[in-house]
Amino acid sequence: MRRTVGRGANYLVLVLLALVALAPILWMLSASLKTPGEILRYPPTILPEDIRWENYTEVFTLQPFAQQFLNSIVIMALVAVLTLVMSIPAGYALARVRPVAAGAVFLLLLSVIFIPPEATIIPLFQYAAKLGWVDTHYPLIIFTAALVTAPIATFVMRQAFLTLPAEFEDAASIDGSGRWRTMMQIYLPLVRPSVASVVVLSCWYSWNQFLEPLIYLRSPEKLTVPVALTHYEDPLAGPLWGVQMAATTLSVIPVLLVFFLAQRHVVSGLTAGGLKS
């Protein structure tokens, strides 16, 4: 009896916590279908009284949101690819090859992870200006992958490769397999959960970037989604809350799709390094 009561109490607490977490999302969905007056009404209404589908059409008519949405998707995909290209060989080298000064390289990697992007935005902007990259997507792809997502991903991949036994590498070496082939055909398939985690983390970070596109981009058709969301305003009436909520609802779809496709690998991938150091 006590066990049943305790289990029921646990479920009740979990349900309440879930409702707290879902409340902002439910409000976003509801507000995206409301009129401006109903959004600001007090006490607020849970469901829209007059459903206003025009909020979703105005998302695309007030500014080039389709192009901005595509910009974010392309940048997110390229950042994920570059992150994998850099982090998989680097993580394998630090874990299995152990080059000279591997410890110092790993400490340098950890130090880069803890540097906030705000601390490097000014010198990076000056460098991008010299290269002619202002108002282009190159800084959002190259700087993000090289300085933010790749160091974190390298740490994750290193920890994942460390969990695998060295006997696999010895057997491959006896069969005449080189380092690259051993990494790609033997070790990499065994760390797919970590690869999925790296993809999700890099996609999430790239998609949610706000400061970097705000600094580097100028043209409306080159903006990314987070910055574009702030441009739904009436010069006289202020923010168009219903349109902003509709655009925000659309903006969460890509990251949710990436997470749901990789969710069964994410947890095991992030905890892989806890088994062996």
C-alpha atoms as a PDB file:
ATOM      1  CA  MET A   1       0.000   0.000   0.000  1.00  0.00           C
ATOM      2  CA  ARG A   2       2.782   2.417   0.930  1.00  0.00           C
ATOM      3  CA  ARG A   3       4.600   1.564  -2.279  1.00  0.00           C
ATOM      4  CA  THR A   4       1.489   2.350  -4.324  1.00  0.00           C
ATOM      5  CA  VAL A   5       0.957   5.678  -2.538  1.00  0.00           C
ATOM      6  CA  GLY A   6       4.613   6.586  -2.972  1.00  0.00           C
ATOM      7  CA  ARG A   7       4.512   5.729  -6.668  1.00  0.00           C
ATOM      8  CA  GLY A   8       1.346   7.780  -7.133  1.00  0.00           C
ATOM      9  CA  ALA A   9       2.959  10.754  -5.391  1.00  0.00           C
ATOM     10  CA  ASN A  10       5.994  10.458  -7.659  1.00  0.00           C
ATOM     11  CA  TYR A  11       3.796  10.432 -10.766  1.00  0.00           C
ATOM     12  CA  LEU A  12       1.863  13.447  -9.475  1.00  0.00           C
ATOM     13  CA  VAL A  13       5.073  15.418  -8.951  1.00  0.00           C
ATOM     14  CA  LEU A  14       6.300  14.439 -12.428  1.00  0.00           C
ATOM     15  CA  VAL A  15       3.019  15.515 -14.009  1.00  0.00           C
ATOM     16  CA  LEU A  16       3.141  18.884 -12.248  1.00  0.00           C
ATOM     17  CA  LEU A  17       6.751  19.436 -13.342  1.00  0.00           C
ATOM     18  CA  ALA A  18       5.816  18.470 -16.911  1.00  0.00           C
ATOM     19  CA  LEU A  19       2.981  20.972 -16.905  1.00  0.00           C
ATOM     20  CA  VAL A  20       5.342  23.704 -15.701  1.00  0.00           C
ATOM     21  CA  ALA A  21       7.783  22.848 -18.498  1.00  0.00           C
ATOM     22  CA  LEU A  22       5.060  22.652 -21.160  1.00  0.00           C
ATOM     23  CA  ALA A  23       3.204  25.799 -20.109  1.00  0.00           C
ATOM     24  CA  PRO A  24       5.357  28.238 -22.169  1.00  0.00           C
ATOM     25  CA  ILE A  25       5.073  25.998 -25.248  1.00  0.00           C
ATOM     26  CA  LEU A  26       1.302  25.719 -24.897  1.00  0.00           C
ATOM     27  CA  TRP A  27       1.045  29.486 -24.440  1.00  0.00           C
ATOM     28  CA  MET A  28       3.152  30.019 -27.580  1.00  0.00           C
ATOM     29  CA  LEU A  29       0.861  27.760 -29.618  1.00  0.00           C
ATOM     30  CA  SER A  30      -2.252  29.438 -28.236  1.00  0.00           C
ATOM     31  CA  ALA A  31      -0.927  32.989 -28.715  1.00  0.00           C
ATOM     32  CA  SER A  32       0.062  32.242 -32.302  1.00  0.00           C
ATOM     33  CA  LEU A  33      -3.653  31.937 -33.124  1.00  0.00           C
ATOM     34  CA  LYS A  34      -4.890  34.929 -31.118  1.00  0.00           C
ATOM     35  CA  THR A  35      -5.581  38.529 -32.024  1.00  0.00           C
ATOM     36  CA  PRO A  36      -3.280  41.191 -30.504  1.00  0.00           C
ATOM     37  CA  GLY A  37      -6.028  42.336 -28.165  1.00  0.00           C
ATOM     38  CA  GLU A  38      -6.705  38.845 -26.860  1.00  0.00           C
ATOM     39  CA  ILE A  39      -3.000  38.192 -26.245  1.00  0.00           C
ATOM     40  CA  LEU A  40      -2.790  41.248 -23.952  1.00  0.00           C
ATOM     41  CA  ARG A  41      -6.112  40.598 -22.237  1.00  0.00           C
ATOM     42  CA  TYR A  42      -6.182  40.113 -18.470  1.00  0.00           C
ATOM     43  CA  PRO A  43      -7.082  37.634 -17.165  1.00  0.00           C
ATOM     44  CA  PRO A  44      -5.607  35.729 -20.094  1.00  0.00           C
ATOM     45  CA  THR A  45      -7.544  33.158 -22.086  1.00  0.00           C
ATOM     46  CA  ILE A  46      -6.133  29.663 -22.476  1.00  0.00           C
ATOM     47  CA  LEU A  47      -7.649  28.917 -25.882  1.00  0.00           C
ATOM     48  CA  PRO A  48      -8.140  31.549 -28.613  1.00  0.00           C
ATOM     49  CA  GLU A  49     -11.710  32.798 -28.881  1.00  0.00           C
ATOM     50  CA  ASP A  50     -11.323  33.831 -32.528  1.00  0.00           C
ATOM     51  CA  ILE A  51      -8.718  31.707 -34.312  1.00  0.00           C
ATOM     52  CA  ARG A  52      -6.542  33.949 -36.454  1.00  0.00           C
ATOM     53  CA  TRP A  53      -4.724  31.859 -39.073  1.00  0.00           C
ATOM     54  CA  GLU A  54      -3.599  35.109 -40.701  1.00  0.00           C
ATOM     55  CA  ASN A  55      -0.760  35.254 -38.170  1.00  0.00           C
ATOM     56  CA  TYR A  56       0.939  32.387 -40.001  1.00  0.00           C
ATOM     57  CA  THR A  57       0.468  33.887 -43.455  1.00  0.00           C
ATOM     58  CA  GLU A  58       1.767  37.256 -42.287  1.00  0.00           C
ATOM     59  CA  VAL A  59       4.943  35.544 -41.095  1.00  0.00           C
ATOM     60  CA  PHE A  60       5.884  35.134 -44.762  1.00  0.00           C
ATOM     61  CA  THR A  61       4.402  38.364 -46.150  1.00  0.00           C
ATOM     62  CA  LEU A  62       5.906  40.883 -43.720  1.00  0.00           C
ATOM     63  CA  GLN A  63       9.473  39.771 -44.419  1.00  0.00           C
ATOM     64  CA  PRO A  64      11.311  37.030 -46.411  1.00  0.00           C
ATOM     65  CA  PHE A  65      10.906  34.452 -43.659  1.00  0.00           C
ATOM     66  CA  ALA A  66      11.081  31.482 -46.038  1.00  0.00           C
ATOM     67  CA  GLN A  67      14.561  32.580 -47.178  1.00  0.00           C
ATOM     68  CA  GLN A  68      15.603  33.293 -43.592  1.00  0.00           C
ATOM     69  CA  PHE A  69      14.331  29.876 -42.536  1.00  0.00           C
ATOM     70  CA  LEU A  70      16.342  28.267 -45.343  1.00  0.00           C
ATOM     71  CA  ASN A  71      19.422  30.250 -44.302  1.00  0.00           C
ATOM     72  CA  SER A  72      19.235  28.822 -40.794  1.00  0.00           C
ATOM     73  CA  ILE A  73      18.749  25.269 -42.061  1.00  0.00           C
ATOM     74  CA  VAL A  74      21.730  25.483 -44.427  1.00  0.00           C
ATOM     75  CA  ILE A  75      23.959  27.035 -41.770  1.00  0.00           C
ATOM     76  CA  MET A  76      22.858  24.434 -39.214  1.00  0.00           C
ATOM     77  CA  ALA A  77      23.579  21.552 -41.596  1.00  0.00           C
ATOM     78  CA  LEU A  78      27.005  22.882 -42.615  1.00  0.00           C
ATOM     79  CA  VAL A  79      28.003  23.532 -39.003  1.00  0.00           C
ATOM     80  CA  ALA A  80      27.024  19.964 -38.095  1.00  0.00           C
ATOM     81  CA  VAL A  81      29.017  18.521 -41.002  1.00  0.00           C
ATOM     82  CA  LEU A  82      32.118  20.630 -40.284  1.00  0.00           C
ATOM     83  CA  THR A  83      31.884  19.761 -36.604  1.00  0.00           C
ATOM     84  CA  LEU A  84      31.877  16.038 -37.381  1.00  0.00           C
ATOM     85  CA  VAL A  85      34.711  16.380 -39.907  1.00  0.00           C
ATOM     86  CA  MET A  86      36.909  18.108 -37.321  1.00  0.00           C
ATOM     87  CA  SER A  87      35.897  16.382 -34.105  1.00  0.00           C
ATOM     88  CA  ILE A  88      35.912  12.698 -35.118  1.00  0.00           C
ATOM     89  CA  PRO A  89      39.572  12.538 -36.261  1.00  0.00           C
ATOM     90  CA  ALA A  90      40.671  14.853 -33.438  1.00  0.00           C
ATOM     91  CA  GLY A  91      38.830  12.850 -30.790  1.00  0.00           C
ATOM     92  CA  TYR A  92      40.215   9.576 -32.161  1.00  0.00           C
ATOM     93  CA  ALA A  93      43.762  10.950 -32.218  1.00  0.00           C
ATOM     94  CA  LEU A  94      43.568  12.179 -28.629  1.00  0.00           C
ATOM     95  CA  ALA A  95      42.064   8.911 -27.413  1.00  0.00           C
ATOM     96  CA  ARG A  96      43.812   6.185 -29.433  1.00  0.00           C
ATOM     97  CA  VAL A  97      46.891   7.644 -31.173  1.00  0.00           C
ATOM     98  CA  ARG A  98      48.096   9.737 -28.204  1.00  0.00           C
ATOM     99  CA  PRO A  99      50.342  12.211 -30.080  1.00  0.00           C
ATOM    100  CA  VAL A 100      53.176  14.152 -28.442  1.00  0.00           C
ATOM    101  CA  ALA A 101      51.870  16.654 -25.888  1.00  0.00           C
ATOM    102  CA  ALA A 102      48.392  15.107 -26.043  1.00  0.00           C
ATOM    103  CA  GLY A 103      47.749  16.228 -22.472  1.00  0.00           C
ATOM    104  CA  ALA A 104      48.601  19.846 -23.287  1.00  0.00           C
ATOM    105  CA  VAL A 105      46.423  19.726 -26.392  1.00  0.00           C
ATOM    106  CA  PHE A 106      43.532  18.363 -24.328  1.00  0.00           C
ATOM    107  CA  LEU A 107      43.948  21.125 -21.716  1.00  0.00           C
ATOM    108  CA  LEU A 108      43.972  23.705 -24.508  1.00  0.00           C
ATOM    109  CA  LEU A 109      40.802  22.161 -25.867  1.00  0.00           C
ATOM    110  CA  LEU A 110      39.107  22.405 -22.480  1.00  0.00           C
ATOM    111  CA  SER A 111      40.169  26.036 -22.126  1.00  0.00           C
ATOM    112  CA  VAL A 112      38.643  26.885 -25.507  1.00  0.00           C
ATOM    113  CA  ILE A 113      35.346  25.316 -24.438  1.00  0.00           C
ATOM    114  CA  PHE A 114      35.077  27.674 -21.459  1.00  0.00           C
ATOM    115  CA  ILE A 115      35.739  30.889 -23.407  1.00  0.00           C
ATOM    116  CA  PRO A 116      32.377  32.678 -23.870  1.00  0.00           C
ATOM    117  CA  PRO A 117      31.619  33.717 -27.475  1.00  0.00           C
ATOM    118  CA  GLU A 118      31.027  37.302 -26.303  1.00  0.00           C
ATOM    119  CA  ALA A 119      34.715  37.561 -25.361  1.00  0.00           C
ATOM    120  CA  THR A 120      35.892  36.873 -28.919  1.00  0.00           C
ATOM    121  CA  ILE A 121      33.169  38.539 -30.989  1.00  0.00           C
ATOM    122  CA  ILE A 122      35.067  41.841 -31.534  1.00  0.00           C
ATOM    123  CA  PRO A 123      38.385  40.376 -32.799  1.00  0.00           C
ATOM    124  CA  LEU A 124      36.489  37.837 -34.890  1.00  0.00           C
ATOM    125  CA  PHE A 125      34.406  40.617 -36.446  1.00  0.00           C
ATOM    126  CA  GLN A 126      37.554  42.562 -37.293  1.00  0.00           C
ATOM    127  CA  TYR A 127      39.050  39.445 -38.854  1.00  0.00           C
ATOM    128  CA  ALA A 128      35.859  38.774 -40.815  1.00  0.00           C
ATOM    129  CA  ALA A 129      35.833  42.380 -42.055  1.00  0.00           C
ATOM    130  CA  LYS A 130      39.378  41.992 -43.394  1.00  0.00           C
ATOM    131  CA  LEU A 131      38.331  38.822 -45.223  1.00  0.00           C
ATOM    132  CA  GLY A 132      35.205  40.459 -46.650  1.00  0.00           C
ATOM    133  CA  TRP A 133      32.927  38.108 -44.743  1.00  0.00           C
ATOM    134  CA  VAL A 134      30.636  40.748 -43.237  1.00  0.00           C
ATOM    135  CA  ASP A 135      27.030  40.239 -44.383  1.00  0.00           C
ATOM    136  CA  THR A 136      27.844  36.682 -45.416  1.00  0.00           C
ATOM    137  CA  HIS A 137      27.201  33.347 -43.737  1.00  0.00           C
ATOM    138  CA  TYR A 138      30.865  32.300 -43.641  1.00  0.00           C
ATOM    139  CA  PRO A 139      31.525  33.516 -40.059  1.00  0.00           C
ATOM    140  CA  LEU A 140      28.388  31.785 -38.792  1.00  0.00           C
ATOM    141  CA  ILE A 141      29.572  28.509 -40.299  1.00  0.00           C
ATOM    142  CA  ILE A 142      33.363  28.519 -39.979  1.00  0.00           C
ATOM    143  CA  PHE A 143      33.828  30.418 -36.707  1.00  0.00           C
ATOM    144  CA  THR A 144      30.993  28.559 -35.009  1.00  0.00           C
ATOM    145  CA  ALA A 145      32.211  25.123 -36.051  1.00  0.00           C
ATOM    146  CA  ALA A 146      35.907  25.752 -35.413  1.00  0.00           C
ATOM    147  CA  LEU A 147      35.701  27.694 -32.144  1.00  0.00           C
ATOM    148  CA  VAL A 148      32.506  26.532 -30.433  1.00  0.00           C
ATOM    149  CA  THR A 149      30.966  23.251 -31.519  1.00  0.00           C
ATOM    150  CA  ALA A 150      34.095  21.380 -32.651  1.00  0.00           C
ATOM    151  CA  PRO A 151      35.965  21.710 -29.303  1.00  0.00           C
ATOM    152  CA  ILE A 152      32.936  20.450 -27.388  1.00  0.00           C
ATOM    153  CA  ALA A 153      32.379  17.676 -29.933  1.00  0.00           C
ATOM    154  CA  THR A 154      36.057  16.676 -29.813  1.00  0.00           C
ATOM    155  CA  PHE A 155      35.786  16.260 -26.050  1.00  0.00           C
ATOM    156  CA  VAL A 156      32.652  14.109 -26.445  1.00  0.00           C
ATOM    157  CA  MET A 157      34.226  11.965 -29.179  1.00  0.00           C
ATOM    158  CA  ARG A 158      37.471  11.536 -27.234  1.00  0.00           C
ATOM    159  CA  GLN A 159      35.597  10.260 -24.218  1.00  0.00           C
ATOM    160  CA  ALA A 160      33.576   7.902 -26.429  1.00  0.00           C
ATOM    161  CA  PHE A 161      36.671   6.446 -28.120  1.00  0.00           C
ATOM    162  CA  LEU A 162      38.316   5.934 -24.727  1.00  0.00           C
ATOM    163  CA  THR A 163      35.536   3.551 -23.703  1.00  0.00           C
ATOM    164  CA  LEU A 164      36.384   1.111 -26.513  1.00  0.00           C
ATOM    165  CA  PRO A 165      38.948  -1.659 -25.916  1.00  0.00           C
ATOM    166  CA  ALA A 166      42.377  -1.392 -27.536  1.00  0.00           C
ATOM    167  CA  GLU A 167      42.106  -5.018 -28.698  1.00  0.00           C
ATOM    168  CA  PHE A 168      40.014  -3.868 -31.670  1.00  0.00           C
ATOM    169  CA  GLU A 169      42.877  -1.680 -32.845  1.00  0.00           C
ATOM    170  CA  ASP A 170      45.441  -4.444 -32.308  1.00  0.00           C
ATOM    171  CA  ALA A 171      43.373  -6.918 -34.320  1.00  0.00           C
ATOM    172  CA  ALA A 172      42.907  -4.403 -37.136  1.00  0.00           C
ATOM    173  CA  SER A 173      46.631  -3.671 -37.183  1.00  0.00           C
ATOM    174  CA  ILE A 174      47.434  -7.374 -37.504  1.00  0.00           C
ATOM    175  CA  ASP A 175      45.084  -7.549 -40.497  1.00  0.00           C
ATOM    176  CA  GLY A 176      46.965  -4.684 -42.138  1.00  0.00           C
ATOM    177  CA  SER A 177      44.457  -1.922 -41.467  1.00  0.00           C
ATOM    178  CA  GLY A 178      45.792   1.626 -41.199  1.00  0.00           C
ATOM    179  CA  ARG A 179      44.773   4.271 -38.698  1.00  0.00           C
ATOM    180  CA  TRP A 180      42.189   5.904 -40.951  1.00  0.00           C
ATOM    181  CA  ARG A 181      40.512   2.655 -41.933  1.00  0.00           C
ATOM    182  CA  THR A 182      40.499   1.461 -38.325  1.00  0.00           C
ATOM    183  CA  MET A 183      38.830   4.658 -37.217  1.00  0.00           C
ATOM    184  CA  MET A 184      36.216   4.761 -39.987  1.00  0.00           C
ATOM    185  CA  GLN A 185      35.296   1.073 -40.266  1.00  0.00           C
ATOM    186  CA  ILE A 186      35.830  -0.294 -36.761  1.00  0.00           C
ATOM    187  CA  TYR A 187      35.652   2.425 -34.130  1.00  0.00           C
ATOM    188  CA  LEU A 188      33.255   4.929 -35.691  1.00  0.00           C
ATOM    189  CA  PRO A 189      30.281   2.506 -35.995  1.00  0.00           C
ATOM    190  CA  LEU A 190      30.692   1.722 -32.289  1.00  0.00           C
ATOM    191  CA  VAL A 191      30.345   5.368 -31.211  1.00  0.00           C
ATOM    192  CA  ARG A 192      27.227   6.246 -33.214  1.00  0.00           C
ATOM    193  CA  PRO A 193      25.397   7.428 -30.062  1.00  0.00           C
ATOM    194  CA  SER A 194      28.123  10.014 -29.480  1.00  0.00           C
ATOM    195  CA  VAL A 195      28.004  11.056 -33.126  1.00  0.00           C
ATOM    196  CA  ALA A 196      24.254  11.580 -32.796  1.00  0.00           C
ATOM    197  CA  SER A 197      24.819  13.645 -29.651  1.00  0.00           C
ATOM    198  CA  VAL A 198      27.355  15.810 -31.456  1.00  0.00           C
ATOM    199  CA  VAL A 199      24.927  16.386 -34.317  1.00  0.00           C
ATOM    200  CA  VAL A 200      22.133  17.402 -31.953  1.00  0.00           C
ATOM    201  CA  LEU A 201      24.367  19.720 -29.920  1.00  0.00           C
ATOM    202  CA  SER A 202      25.854  21.426 -32.972  1.00  0.00           C
ATOM    203  CA  CYS A 203      22.457  21.816 -34.648  1.00  0.00           C
ATOM    204  CA  TRP A 204      20.913  23.204 -31.483  1.00  0.00           C
ATOM    205  CA  TYR A 205      23.703  25.718 -30.916  1.00  0.00           C
ATOM    206  CA  SER A 206      23.848  26.872 -34.530  1.00  0.00           C
ATOM    207  CA  TRP A 207      20.076  27.237 -34.849  1.00  0.00           C
ATOM    208  CA  ASN A 208      19.768  29.313 -31.663  1.00  0.00           C
ATOM    209  CA  GLN A 209      22.619  31.737 -32.357  1.00  0.00           C
ATOM    210  CA  PHE A 210      21.513  35.342 -31.950  1.00  0.00           C
ATOM    211  CA  LEU A 211      24.507  37.569 -31.186  1.00  0.00           C
ATOM    212  CA  GLU A 212      26.672  36.372 -34.092  1.00  0.00           C
ATOM    213  CA  PRO A 213      24.128  36.846 -36.910  1.00  0.00           C
ATOM    214  CA  LEU A 214      23.087  40.153 -35.328  1.00  0.00           C
ATOM    215  CA  ILE A 215      26.707  41.349 -35.586  1.00  0.00           C
ATOM    216  CA  TYR A 216      27.727  39.891 -38.945  1.00  0.00           C
ATOM    217  CA  LEU A 217      24.574  40.168 -41.068  1.00  0.00           C
ATOM    218  CA  ARG A 218      22.961  43.269 -42.551  1.00  0.00           C
ATOM    219  CA  SER A 219      20.616  42.302 -45.391  1.00  0.00           C
ATOM    220  CA  PRO A 220      17.105  41.088 -44.418  1.00  0.00           C
ATOM    221  CA  GLU A 221      17.255  38.193 -46.891  1.00  0.00           C
ATOM    222  CA  LYS A 222      20.471  36.921 -45.263  1.00  0.00           C
ATOM    223  CA  LEU A 223      19.230  36.975 -41.679  1.00  0.00           C
ATOM    224  CA  THR A 224      18.721  33.814 -39.662  1.00  0.00           C
ATOM    225  CA  VAL A 225      15.546  32.899 -37.814  1.00  0.00           C
ATOM    226  CA  PRO A 226      16.443  34.121 -34.268  1.00  0.00           C
ATOM    227  CA  VAL A 227      17.229  37.627 -35.518  1.00  0.00           C
ATOM    228  CA  ALA A 228      14.303  37.626 -37.937  1.00  0.00           C
ATOM    229  CA  LEU A 229      11.899  36.975 -35.061  1.00  0.00           C
ATOM    230  CA  THR A 230      12.726  40.384 -33.580  1.00  0.00           C
ATOM    231  CA  HIS A 231      11.788  42.198 -36.809  1.00  0.00           C
ATOM    232  CA  TYR A 232       8.053  41.548 -36.584  1.00  0.00           C
ATOM    233  CA  GLU A 233       7.130  44.986 -35.308  1.00  0.00           C
ATOM    234  CA  ASP A 234       4.776  47.799 -36.177  1.00  0.00           C
ATOM    235  CA  PRO A 235       6.591  51.175 -36.086  1.00  0.00           C
ATOM    236  CA  LEU A 236       3.618  52.681 -34.254  1.00  0.00           C
ATOM    237  CA  ALA A 237       2.041  49.798 -32.324  1.00  0.00           C
ATOM    238  CA  GLY A 238       5.181  47.918 -31.282  1.00  0.00           C
ATOM    239  CA  PRO A 239       5.760  44.140 -31.497  1.00  0.00           C
ATOM    240  CA  LEU A 240       3.290  42.039 -33.481  1.00  0.00           C
ATOM    241  CA  TRP A 241       2.952  39.415 -30.772  1.00  0.00           C
ATOM    242  CA  GLY A 242       0.659  37.055 -32.658  1.00  0.00           C
ATOM    243  CA  VAL A 243       2.910  36.986 -35.723  1.00  0.00           C
ATOM    244  CA  GLN A 244       5.999  36.611 -33.542  1.00  0.00           C
ATOM    245  CA  MET A 245       4.455  33.638 -31.762  1.00  0.00           C
ATOM    246  CA  ALA A 246       3.500  32.060 -35.090  1.00  0.00           C
ATOM    247  CA  ALA A 247       7.042  32.512 -36.411  1.00  0.00           C
ATOM    248  CA  THR A 248       8.476  31.151 -33.169  1.00  0.00           C
ATOM    249  CA  THR A 249       6.230  28.091 -33.428  1.00  0.00           C
ATOM    250  CA  LEU A 250       7.582  27.409 -36.918  1.00  0.00           C
ATOM    251  CA  SER A 251      11.155  28.015 -35.790  1.00  0.00           C
ATOM    252  CA  VAL A 252      11.209  25.185 -33.238  1.00  0.00           C
ATOM    253  CA  ILE A 253      10.280  22.505 -35.779  1.00  0.00           C
ATOM    254  CA  PRO A 254      13.743  21.758 -37.297  1.00  0.00           C
ATOM    255  CA  VAL A 255      15.528  21.314 -33.961  1.00  0.00           C
ATOM    256  CA  LEU A 256      12.699  19.132 -32.654  1.00  0.00           C
ATOM    257  CA  LEU A 257      12.931  16.941 -35.756  1.00  0.00           C
ATOM    258  CA  VAL A 258      16.698  16.546 -35.323  1.00  0.00           C
ATOM    259  CA  PHE A 259      16.267  15.639 -31.661  1.00  0.00           C
ATOM    260  CA  PHE A 260      13.443  13.147 -32.228  1.00  0.00           C
ATOM    261  CA  LEU A 261      15.411  11.419 -34.996  1.00  0.00           C
ATOM    262  CA  ALA A 262      18.453  11.032 -32.746  1.00  0.00           C
ATOM    263  CA  GLN A 263      16.905  10.897 -29.272  1.00  0.00           C
ATOM    264  CA  ARG A 264      17.515   7.205 -28.609  1.00  0.00           C
ATOM    265  CA  HIS A 265      21.250   7.794 -29.072  1.00  0.00           C
ATOM    266  CA  VAL A 266      21.634  11.134 -27.314  1.00  0.00           C
ATOM    267  CA  VAL A 267      21.607  10.089 -23.652  1.00  0.00           C
ATOM    268  CA  SER A 268      23.923   7.127 -24.113  1.00  0.00           C
ATOM    269  CA  GLY A 269      26.209   9.254 -26.267  1.00  0.00           C
ATOM    270  CA  LEU A 270      26.556  12.017 -23.687  1.00  0.00           C
ATOM    271  CA  THR A 271      27.221   9.540 -20.852  1.00  0.00           C
ATOM    272  CA  ALA A 272      29.652   7.350 -22.793  1.00  0.00           C
ATOM    273  CA  GLY A 273      32.709   9.110 -21.374  1.00  0.00           C
ATOM    274  CA  GLY A 274      31.669   8.348 -17.810  1.00  0.00           C
ATOM    275  CA  LEU A 275      32.576   4.698 -18.111  1.00  0.00           C
ATOM    276  CA  LYS A 276      36.307   4.986 -18.607  1.00  0.00           C
ATOM    277  CA  SER A 277      38.790   7.855 -18.626  1.00  0.00           C
END
